[in-house]
Amino acid sequence: MFQQRLTRALLTCLVISSLFFLMSTKSHRVGAAPALPTTTIENDSLGVYIPNAFSPNEDGVNDDFGPYFRPDLTIEAYQLQVFDRWGVQMFISNDPSDRWNGTYRGEIAEPGAYAYALAVTFAGETGPGPKVMRGNINLVR
């Protein structure tokens, strides 16, 4: 009975590659699994965060893939492409709000590693052409 009344505060901070993910402090009963909202604070000169995994299982958490941009950035040009291991283009978009949901031609894509290429130009940016970022994304089911 004493443990049921006992509460504790939880603060989790995870630091990855100059990106800071903070979870809010929330009081909960011992043994309870709190649902904590997350806030991303960008500490990157480019102002772009690209996750390395997502799980399109319709649970409302990490169900789609796409970059996250610092809110103060204005995007002038954008293209995101996703490819499977054989080079088949699984997804392409010129709209920053359009994200890959883990399907290809209406069919559920297999779990595994996929490659992405992101080309983006921000307002007021100087230099030749867009910023291009390439990497891998893991689709987890």
C-alpha atoms as a PDB file:
ATOM      1  CA  MET A   1       0.000   0.000   0.000  1.00  0.00           C
ATOM      2  CA  PHE A   2       2.848   2.352   0.805  1.00  0.00           C
ATOM      3  CA  GLN A   3       4.400   1.757  -2.655  1.00  0.00           C
ATOM      4  CA  GLN A   4       1.090   2.504  -4.364  1.00  0.00           C
ATOM      5  CA  ARG A   5       1.056   5.981  -2.804  1.00  0.00           C
ATOM      6  CA  LEU A   6       4.699   6.616  -3.468  1.00  0.00           C
ATOM      7  CA  THR A   7       5.300   8.969  -6.371  1.00  0.00           C
ATOM      8  CA  ARG A   8       8.432   9.994  -8.115  1.00  0.00           C
ATOM      9  CA  ALA A   9       9.454  12.556 -10.678  1.00  0.00           C
ATOM     10  CA  LEU A  10      11.016  11.395 -13.913  1.00  0.00           C
ATOM     11  CA  LEU A  11      13.313  13.504 -16.038  1.00  0.00           C
ATOM     12  CA  THR A  12      15.036  11.890 -18.969  1.00  0.00           C
ATOM     13  CA  CYS A  13      17.514  13.675 -21.144  1.00  0.00           C
ATOM     14  CA  LEU A  14      19.151  11.974 -24.120  1.00  0.00           C
ATOM     15  CA  VAL A  15      21.935  13.681 -26.008  1.00  0.00           C
ATOM     16  CA  ILE A  16      22.759  12.409 -29.492  1.00  0.00           C
ATOM     17  CA  SER A  17      25.186  14.074 -31.905  1.00  0.00           C
ATOM     18  CA  SER A  18      24.554  17.651 -30.760  1.00  0.00           C
ATOM     19  CA  LEU A  19      20.773  17.118 -30.728  1.00  0.00           C
ATOM     20  CA  PHE A  20      19.001  17.332 -27.415  1.00  0.00           C
ATOM     21  CA  PHE A  21      15.784  15.440 -26.723  1.00  0.00           C
ATOM     22  CA  LEU A  22      14.096  16.487 -23.509  1.00  0.00           C
ATOM     23  CA  MET A  23      11.201  14.712 -21.913  1.00  0.00           C
ATOM     24  CA  SER A  24       9.041  16.709 -19.545  1.00  0.00           C
ATOM     25  CA  THR A  25       9.045  16.020 -15.844  1.00  0.00           C
ATOM     26  CA  LYS A  26       5.934  14.177 -14.749  1.00  0.00           C
ATOM     27  CA  SER A  27       4.917  12.748 -11.417  1.00  0.00           C
ATOM     28  CA  HIS A  28       3.564   9.195 -11.523  1.00  0.00           C
ATOM     29  CA  ARG A  29       3.028   6.187  -9.302  1.00  0.00           C
ATOM     30  CA  VAL A  30       5.879   3.702  -8.986  1.00  0.00           C
ATOM     31  CA  GLY A  31       5.496   1.016 -11.608  1.00  0.00           C
ATOM     32  CA  ALA A  32       3.315   3.145 -13.884  1.00  0.00           C
ATOM     33  CA  ALA A  33       4.485   3.741 -17.430  1.00  0.00           C
ATOM     34  CA  PRO A  34       4.090   7.472 -18.036  1.00  0.00           C
ATOM     35  CA  ALA A  35       3.406   8.847 -21.503  1.00  0.00           C
ATOM     36  CA  LEU A  36       5.782  11.787 -21.748  1.00  0.00           C
ATOM     37  CA  PRO A  37       5.678  14.387 -24.503  1.00  0.00           C
ATOM     38  CA  THR A  38       9.007  15.128 -26.169  1.00  0.00           C
ATOM     39  CA  THR A  39      10.482  18.382 -27.361  1.00  0.00           C
ATOM     40  CA  THR A  40      13.357  18.539 -29.823  1.00  0.00           C
ATOM     41  CA  ILE A  41      15.872  21.316 -29.322  1.00  0.00           C
ATOM     42  CA  GLU A  42      18.116  21.669 -32.332  1.00  0.00           C
ATOM     43  CA  ASN A  43      21.783  22.498 -31.726  1.00  0.00           C
ATOM     44  CA  ASP A  44      22.979  21.994 -35.279  1.00  0.00           C
ATOM     45  CA  SER A  45      24.311  24.620 -37.660  1.00  0.00           C
ATOM     46  CA  LEU A  46      22.152  23.283 -40.498  1.00  0.00           C
ATOM     47  CA  GLY A  47      18.961  23.070 -38.412  1.00  0.00           C
ATOM     48  CA  VAL A  48      17.828  19.672 -39.729  1.00  0.00           C
ATOM     49  CA  TYR A  49      17.153  16.471 -37.780  1.00  0.00           C
ATOM     50  CA  ILE A  50      16.698  13.235 -39.716  1.00  0.00           C
ATOM     51  CA  PRO A  51      15.722  10.171 -37.669  1.00  0.00           C
ATOM     52  CA  ASN A  52      17.451   6.844 -38.336  1.00  0.00           C
ATOM     53  CA  ALA A  53      14.436   4.595 -37.710  1.00  0.00           C
ATOM     54  CA  PHE A  54      10.641   4.620 -37.827  1.00  0.00           C
ATOM     55  CA  SER A  55       7.856   2.115 -37.207  1.00  0.00           C
ATOM     56  CA  PRO A  56       4.794   2.561 -39.443  1.00  0.00           C
ATOM     57  CA  ASN A  57       2.486   0.409 -37.305  1.00  0.00           C
ATOM     58  CA  GLU A  58      -0.265   3.018 -36.828  1.00  0.00           C
ATOM     59  CA  ASP A  59       0.320   3.418 -33.085  1.00  0.00           C
ATOM     60  CA  GLY A  60       0.716   7.182 -33.467  1.00  0.00           C
ATOM     61  CA  VAL A  61       4.434   7.151 -32.601  1.00  0.00           C
ATOM     62  CA  ASN A  62       7.112   7.386 -35.317  1.00  0.00           C
ATOM     63  CA  ASP A  63       4.663   6.208 -37.980  1.00  0.00           C
ATOM     64  CA  ASP A  64       6.281   8.087 -40.858  1.00  0.00           C
ATOM     65  CA  PHE A  65       9.698   9.204 -42.054  1.00  0.00           C
ATOM     66  CA  GLY A  66      10.924  12.648 -42.997  1.00  0.00           C
ATOM     67  CA  PRO A  67      13.234  15.380 -41.765  1.00  0.00           C
ATOM     68  CA  TYR A  68      12.426  17.844 -38.993  1.00  0.00           C
ATOM     69  CA  PHE A  69      13.477  21.449 -39.512  1.00  0.00           C
ATOM     70  CA  ARG A  70      14.193  24.169 -37.008  1.00  0.00           C
ATOM     71  CA  PRO A  71      10.999  26.301 -36.888  1.00  0.00           C
ATOM     72  CA  ASP A  72      12.735  29.545 -37.832  1.00  0.00           C
ATOM     73  CA  LEU A  73      13.956  28.154 -41.188  1.00  0.00           C
ATOM     74  CA  THR A  74      12.106  28.960 -44.416  1.00  0.00           C
ATOM     75  CA  ILE A  75      12.401  26.288 -47.090  1.00  0.00           C
ATOM     76  CA  GLU A  76      12.643  27.505 -50.694  1.00  0.00           C
ATOM     77  CA  ALA A  77      13.280  24.164 -52.421  1.00  0.00           C
ATOM     78  CA  TYR A  78      12.958  20.615 -51.117  1.00  0.00           C
ATOM     79  CA  GLN A  79      13.166  17.043 -52.353  1.00  0.00           C
ATOM     80  CA  LEU A  80      13.195  13.827 -50.318  1.00  0.00           C
ATOM     81  CA  GLN A  81      13.795  10.460 -51.966  1.00  0.00           C
ATOM     82  CA  VAL A  82      13.831   7.006 -50.359  1.00  0.00           C
ATOM     83  CA  PHE A  83      15.335   3.919 -52.040  1.00  0.00           C
ATOM     84  CA  ASP A  84      15.365   0.224 -51.179  1.00  0.00           C
ATOM     85  CA  ARG A  85      18.575  -1.844 -51.142  1.00  0.00           C
ATOM     86  CA  TRP A  86      18.292  -2.532 -54.895  1.00  0.00           C
ATOM     87  CA  GLY A  87      17.955   1.158 -55.774  1.00  0.00           C
ATOM     88  CA  VAL A  88      14.201   1.131 -56.390  1.00  0.00           C
ATOM     89  CA  GLN A  89      12.739   4.542 -55.586  1.00  0.00           C
ATOM     90  CA  MET A  90      10.169   3.846 -52.863  1.00  0.00           C
ATOM     91  CA  PHE A  91       9.162   7.468 -52.219  1.00  0.00           C
ATOM     92  CA  ILE A  92       9.729  10.957 -53.603  1.00  0.00           C
ATOM     93  CA  SER A  93       8.302  14.294 -52.500  1.00  0.00           C
ATOM     94  CA  ASN A  94       8.851  17.978 -53.172  1.00  0.00           C
ATOM     95  CA  ASP A  95       6.626  18.953 -50.221  1.00  0.00           C
ATOM     96  CA  PRO A  96       8.316  19.180 -46.773  1.00  0.00           C
ATOM     97  CA  SER A  97       5.057  18.219 -45.046  1.00  0.00           C
ATOM     98  CA  ASP A  98       4.726  15.005 -47.081  1.00  0.00           C
ATOM     99  CA  ARG A  99       6.351  12.086 -45.243  1.00  0.00           C
ATOM    100  CA  TRP A 100       6.987   8.446 -46.187  1.00  0.00           C
ATOM    101  CA  ASN A 101       4.494   6.109 -44.504  1.00  0.00           C
ATOM    102  CA  GLY A 102       6.429   2.887 -45.211  1.00  0.00           C
ATOM    103  CA  THR A 103       4.474   1.800 -48.287  1.00  0.00           C
ATOM    104  CA  TYR A 104       5.345   1.328 -51.955  1.00  0.00           C
ATOM    105  CA  ARG A 105       2.604   1.487 -54.593  1.00  0.00           C
ATOM    106  CA  GLY A 106      -0.014   0.925 -51.895  1.00  0.00           C
ATOM    107  CA  GLU A 107       1.710  -2.165 -50.448  1.00  0.00           C
ATOM    108  CA  ILE A 108       3.417  -2.393 -47.047  1.00  0.00           C
ATOM    109  CA  ALA A 109       7.205  -2.202 -47.447  1.00  0.00           C
ATOM    110  CA  GLU A 110       9.383  -4.876 -45.872  1.00  0.00           C
ATOM    111  CA  PRO A 111      11.235  -4.101 -42.630  1.00  0.00           C
ATOM    112  CA  GLY A 112      14.889  -3.285 -43.155  1.00  0.00           C
ATOM    113  CA  ALA A 113      17.345  -0.602 -44.184  1.00  0.00           C
ATOM    114  CA  TYR A 114      16.526   2.000 -46.827  1.00  0.00           C
ATOM    115  CA  ALA A 115      18.610   4.852 -48.210  1.00  0.00           C
ATOM    116  CA  TYR A 116      17.435   8.454 -48.363  1.00  0.00           C
ATOM    117  CA  ALA A 117      18.607  11.564 -50.161  1.00  0.00           C
ATOM    118  CA  LEU A 118      17.421  14.985 -49.037  1.00  0.00           C
ATOM    119  CA  ALA A 119      18.119  18.157 -51.012  1.00  0.00           C
ATOM    120  CA  VAL A 120      16.978  21.401 -49.415  1.00  0.00           C
ATOM    121  CA  THR A 121      17.532  25.108 -49.997  1.00  0.00           C
ATOM    122  CA  PHE A 122      16.706  27.581 -47.249  1.00  0.00           C
ATOM    123  CA  ALA A 123      15.680  31.224 -47.748  1.00  0.00           C
ATOM    124  CA  GLY A 124      18.582  33.649 -47.561  1.00  0.00           C
ATOM    125  CA  GLU A 125      21.123  30.900 -48.092  1.00  0.00           C
ATOM    126  CA  THR A 126      24.243  31.669 -50.082  1.00  0.00           C
ATOM    127  CA  GLY A 127      26.426  29.205 -51.915  1.00  0.00           C
ATOM    128  CA  PRO A 128      26.080  26.893 -54.885  1.00  0.00           C
ATOM    129  CA  GLY A 129      22.969  24.718 -54.965  1.00  0.00           C
ATOM    130  CA  PRO A 130      20.982  23.010 -52.231  1.00  0.00           C
ATOM    131  CA  LYS A 131      22.286  21.263 -49.124  1.00  0.00           C
ATOM    132  CA  VAL A 132      22.292  17.518 -49.804  1.00  0.00           C
ATOM    133  CA  MET A 133      22.099  14.949 -47.032  1.00  0.00           C
ATOM    134  CA  ARG A 134      22.237  11.191 -47.545  1.00  0.00           C
ATOM    135  CA  GLY A 135      21.906   8.354 -45.091  1.00  0.00           C
ATOM    136  CA  ASN A 136      20.050   5.241 -44.014  1.00  0.00           C
ATOM    137  CA  ILE A 137      16.679   4.770 -42.391  1.00  0.00           C
ATOM    138  CA  ASN A 138      15.535   1.588 -40.684  1.00  0.00           C
ATOM    139  CA  LEU A 139      11.922   0.576 -41.159  1.00  0.00           C
ATOM    140  CA  VAL A 140      10.873  -1.439 -38.100  1.00  0.00           C
ATOM    141  CA  ARG A 141       7.586  -3.329 -37.850  1.00  0.00           C
END
